[in-house]
Amino acid sequence: MCTAPTTGIQNQMNRLRARVFSASLTGLFGLGFVGALLAAPSVAQATETSAIDAFQAKHEVVVKLVKDKATDAQLQAKVDELLDYDYLSTSALGGPERFAAVCETRCDEFSELLTRLIRENYLRMIRKAEKHPVEYVEEVAGKNGVFKVTTRVKIEKNGREQTVTVEYVMHKVDGKWQVRDIITEGVSLAKTYRYEINKIAKDQGIGGVITKLQAKLDALAAED
């Protein structure tokens, strides 16, 4: 079946939708329907011989634990094996060269709060997306040992089915594959974090960032 060319308006809508997804992933502006992005993979992989195998295998373990109603400690241990919080925290403040200057004496506090927020949103999205299978498309090697795993997932919004492309940027930390960025329809989660958090830091300092992160965590806890 032939598909009609995407119009300029459709392209704008796709970019807008992607930005909504990324903003939701950061946890600073709510989850929305982005839960479908982290849906359960349909086939488990027994080994981690490649980035795509590692992502699929580790993610499925977390999904199974969620379905089995595992303890918070069990879930945290497995999620923490997959996501590179250190990279995301450092990137969020502009990279290694700016990190300490921005967070000053509250670097540990900032990193701990952002880690908790990333972890909590990841688990919430898995819980909301258990019924949506992921199509694993390919992995592409980049520079300095970085790989991009491309996936597609079908979601429903307003009664209509949509296909979203999600790319997971992975690298090895101490010999193990971890996700350091999630790119939804071309919009980077790491860059979205950097934009949002640096905007707050510029206006309110690191204290304002920490207050915002804590408020978001409190709001999520109140929903439980």
Protein backbone atom coordinates (compact mmCIF):
# COMPACT_ATOMS: atom_id res chain seq x y z
CA MET A 1 0.00 0.00 0.00
CA CYS A 2 1.34 3.41 -0.95
CA THR A 3 1.54 6.07 1.70
CA ALA A 4 0.84 9.73 1.02
CA PRO A 5 3.84 12.05 1.43
CA THR A 6 4.12 13.72 4.81
CA THR A 7 3.11 17.38 4.59
CA GLY A 8 4.86 20.28 6.28
CA ILE A 9 2.04 20.49 8.80
CA GLN A 10 2.37 16.78 9.57
CA ASN A 11 6.09 17.22 10.10
CA GLN A 12 5.45 20.04 12.54
CA MET A 13 2.91 17.93 14.41
CA ASN A 14 5.37 15.02 14.59
CA ARG A 15 8.06 17.29 16.04
CA LEU A 16 5.60 18.74 18.54
CA ARG A 17 4.47 15.28 19.60
CA ALA A 18 8.09 14.22 20.04
CA ARG A 19 8.77 17.22 22.27
CA VAL A 20 5.76 16.32 24.40
CA PHE A 21 7.13 12.78 24.72
CA SER A 22 10.57 14.01 25.77
CA ALA A 23 9.18 16.54 28.24
CA SER A 24 7.10 13.77 29.76
CA LEU A 25 10.13 11.53 30.07
CA THR A 26 12.03 14.15 32.02
CA GLY A 27 9.31 14.03 34.64
CA LEU A 28 9.27 17.80 35.03
CA PHE A 29 6.02 18.27 33.12
CA GLY A 30 4.08 15.03 33.65
CA LEU A 31 4.02 11.59 32.04
CA GLY A 32 1.25 11.91 29.42
CA PHE A 33 0.92 9.00 27.07
CA VAL A 34 4.67 8.53 26.66
CA GLY A 35 4.40 5.31 28.64
CA ALA A 36 4.10 3.40 25.41
CA LEU A 37 7.68 4.23 24.52
CA LEU A 38 9.07 1.83 27.06
CA ALA A 39 6.81 -1.08 26.28
CA ALA A 40 7.69 -4.68 27.00
CA PRO A 41 9.82 -6.37 24.33
CA SER A 42 8.22 -9.46 22.81
CA VAL A 43 11.29 -11.72 22.80
CA ALA A 44 13.91 -12.13 25.52
CA GLN A 45 17.58 -12.38 24.67
CA ALA A 46 19.73 -14.83 26.59
CA THR A 47 22.99 -12.97 26.17
CA GLU A 48 24.28 -9.43 25.89
CA THR A 49 26.53 -9.78 22.86
CA SER A 50 25.42 -6.46 21.40
CA ALA A 51 23.78 -3.21 22.46
CA ILE A 52 20.41 -4.26 21.08
CA ASP A 53 20.58 -7.63 22.85
CA ALA A 54 21.56 -5.94 26.10
CA PHE A 55 18.73 -3.44 25.98
CA GLN A 56 16.11 -6.05 25.14
CA ALA A 57 17.30 -8.50 27.78
CA LYS A 58 17.65 -5.97 30.60
CA HIS A 59 14.39 -4.23 29.80
CA GLU A 60 12.47 -7.50 29.74
CA VAL A 61 13.79 -8.40 33.17
CA VAL A 62 12.37 -5.15 34.54
CA VAL A 63 9.04 -5.71 32.77
CA LYS A 64 8.75 -9.21 34.24
CA LEU A 65 9.50 -7.91 37.73
CA VAL A 66 6.78 -5.28 37.33
CA LYS A 67 4.28 -7.92 36.22
CA ASP A 68 5.30 -10.16 39.12
CA LYS A 69 4.86 -7.26 41.55
CA ALA A 70 8.44 -7.41 42.75
CA THR A 71 9.66 -5.33 45.67
CA ASP A 72 10.94 -1.79 45.18
CA ALA A 73 14.45 -2.95 46.00
CA GLN A 74 14.35 -5.66 43.33
CA LEU A 75 13.04 -3.24 40.72
CA GLN A 76 15.56 -0.56 41.61
CA ALA A 77 18.47 -2.96 41.30
CA LYS A 78 17.52 -3.99 37.76
CA VAL A 79 16.59 -0.51 36.51
CA ASP A 80 19.87 0.81 37.83
CA GLU A 81 21.73 -1.76 35.70
CA LEU A 82 20.15 -0.34 32.54
CA LEU A 83 20.13 3.46 32.93
CA ASP A 84 23.28 5.58 33.15
CA TYR A 85 22.20 8.12 35.76
CA ASP A 86 25.67 9.59 36.11
CA TYR A 87 25.83 10.49 32.44
CA LEU A 88 22.34 12.00 32.44
CA SER A 89 23.00 14.01 35.60
CA THR A 90 26.30 15.36 34.29
CA SER A 91 24.82 16.12 30.87
CA ALA A 92 21.82 17.86 32.45
CA LEU A 93 24.12 20.53 33.91
CA GLY A 94 26.06 21.08 30.71
CA GLY A 95 28.66 18.32 30.83
CA PRO A 96 31.70 17.48 32.99
CA GLU A 97 33.28 20.89 32.51
CA ARG A 98 30.25 22.73 33.95
CA PHE A 99 28.76 20.21 36.37
CA ALA A 100 30.56 21.21 39.56
CA ALA A 101 30.28 24.93 38.82
CA VAL A 102 26.49 24.72 38.43
CA CYS A 103 25.61 22.40 41.30
CA GLU A 104 28.26 23.88 43.62
CA THR A 105 28.09 22.22 47.04
CA ARG A 106 24.85 20.39 46.25
CA CYS A 107 26.04 18.07 43.49
CA ASP A 108 25.31 14.86 45.39
CA GLU A 109 21.84 16.09 46.33
CA PHE A 110 21.07 17.05 42.75
CA SER A 111 22.29 13.73 41.34
CA GLU A 112 20.36 11.71 43.92
CA LEU A 113 17.08 13.53 43.22
CA LEU A 114 17.45 13.31 39.44
CA THR A 115 18.31 9.62 39.68
CA ARG A 116 15.17 8.96 41.72
CA LEU A 117 13.04 10.90 39.24
CA ILE A 118 14.44 9.10 36.19
CA ARG A 119 14.01 5.71 37.87
CA GLU A 120 10.46 6.41 39.03
CA ASN A 121 9.31 7.68 35.64
CA TYR A 122 10.88 4.71 33.87
CA LEU A 123 9.02 2.27 36.11
CA ARG A 124 5.75 4.17 35.78
CA MET A 125 6.00 4.11 32.02
CA ILE A 126 6.65 0.37 32.01
CA ARG A 127 3.57 -0.17 34.17
CA LYS A 128 1.49 1.85 31.71
CA ALA A 129 2.90 0.15 28.62
CA GLU A 130 2.90 -3.56 29.36
CA LYS A 131 0.59 -4.41 26.44
CA HIS A 132 2.53 -2.57 23.74
CA PRO A 133 5.23 -4.68 22.03
CA VAL A 134 8.39 -3.07 20.75
CA GLU A 135 9.78 -3.74 17.27
CA TYR A 136 13.57 -3.85 17.36
CA VAL A 137 14.77 -2.41 14.06
CA GLU A 138 18.55 -2.14 14.16
CA GLU A 139 21.61 -0.98 16.02
CA VAL A 140 24.12 1.41 14.48
CA ALA A 141 27.66 1.96 15.70
CA GLY A 142 28.70 5.52 16.41
CA LYS A 143 31.91 7.09 17.65
CA ASN A 144 33.81 6.14 20.81
CA GLY A 145 31.94 2.90 21.44
CA VAL A 146 28.48 4.47 21.36
CA PHE A 147 25.65 2.53 19.70
CA LYS A 148 22.17 3.65 18.76
CA VAL A 149 19.41 1.04 19.06
CA THR A 150 16.39 1.91 16.94
CA THR A 151 12.95 0.66 17.91
CA ARG A 152 9.39 1.27 16.79
CA VAL A 153 6.28 1.01 18.91
CA LYS A 154 2.61 1.36 18.11
CA ILE A 155 0.54 3.42 20.51
CA GLU A 156 -3.03 4.62 20.69
CA LYS A 157 -3.98 8.24 21.16
CA ASN A 158 -7.49 9.61 20.84
CA GLY A 159 -8.65 6.29 19.45
CA ARG A 160 -6.06 6.24 16.65
CA GLU A 161 -3.02 4.02 16.28
CA GLN A 162 0.33 5.74 15.80
CA THR A 163 3.82 4.38 15.22
CA VAL A 164 6.63 6.13 17.08
CA THR A 165 10.36 5.67 16.47
CA VAL A 166 12.44 5.58 19.64
CA GLU A 167 16.23 5.33 19.64
CA TYR A 168 18.24 4.29 22.68
CA VAL A 169 21.81 5.60 22.80
CA MET A 170 23.98 3.07 24.62
CA HIS A 171 27.55 2.78 25.74
CA LYS A 172 29.49 0.49 28.03
CA VAL A 173 30.18 1.46 31.63
CA ASP A 174 32.61 -0.85 33.39
CA GLY A 175 32.05 -3.38 30.63
CA LYS A 176 28.23 -3.32 30.81
CA TRP A 177 25.79 -1.74 28.36
CA GLN A 178 23.77 1.19 29.68
CA VAL A 179 21.33 3.69 28.16
CA ARG A 180 22.62 7.25 28.22
CA ASP A 181 19.96 8.90 26.07
CA ILE A 182 16.51 8.23 24.61
CA ILE A 183 15.64 9.93 21.33
CA THR A 184 11.94 10.10 20.46
CA GLU A 185 11.13 11.09 16.88
CA GLY A 186 14.43 12.96 16.75
CA VAL A 187 14.10 14.70 20.13
CA SER A 188 16.79 13.82 22.69
CA LEU A 189 15.89 13.19 26.33
CA ALA A 190 19.38 14.24 27.48
CA LYS A 191 19.15 17.52 25.56
CA THR A 192 15.65 18.15 26.88
CA TYR A 193 16.89 17.67 30.44
CA ARG A 194 19.79 20.02 29.75
CA TYR A 195 17.52 22.73 28.38
CA GLU A 196 14.90 22.53 31.14
CA ILE A 197 17.28 22.22 34.08
CA ASN A 198 19.72 24.87 32.89
CA LYS A 199 16.86 27.27 32.33
CA ILE A 200 15.78 26.82 35.94
CA ALA A 201 19.37 27.01 37.18
CA LYS A 202 19.94 30.27 35.31
CA ASP A 203 16.87 31.89 36.85
CA GLN A 204 16.84 30.31 40.31
CA GLY A 205 20.20 28.68 40.85
CA ILE A 206 20.79 25.08 41.86
CA GLY A 207 18.44 25.61 44.81
CA GLY A 208 15.58 26.20 42.38
CA VAL A 209 16.47 23.06 40.44
CA ILE A 210 16.53 20.95 43.58
CA THR A 211 13.24 22.42 44.76
CA LYS A 212 11.65 21.60 41.39
CA LEU A 213 12.95 18.04 41.40
CA GLN A 214 11.80 17.43 44.97
CA ALA A 215 8.37 18.87 44.22
CA LYS A 216 7.99 16.54 41.25
CA LEU A 217 8.97 13.53 43.34
CA ASP A 218 6.50 14.56 46.05
CA ALA A 219 3.76 14.91 43.43
CA LEU A 220 4.47 11.43 42.07
CA ALA A 221 4.42 9.97 45.58
CA ALA A 222 1.04 11.61 46.21
CA GLU A 223 -0.37 9.84 43.16
CA ASP A 224 0.40 6.39 44.61
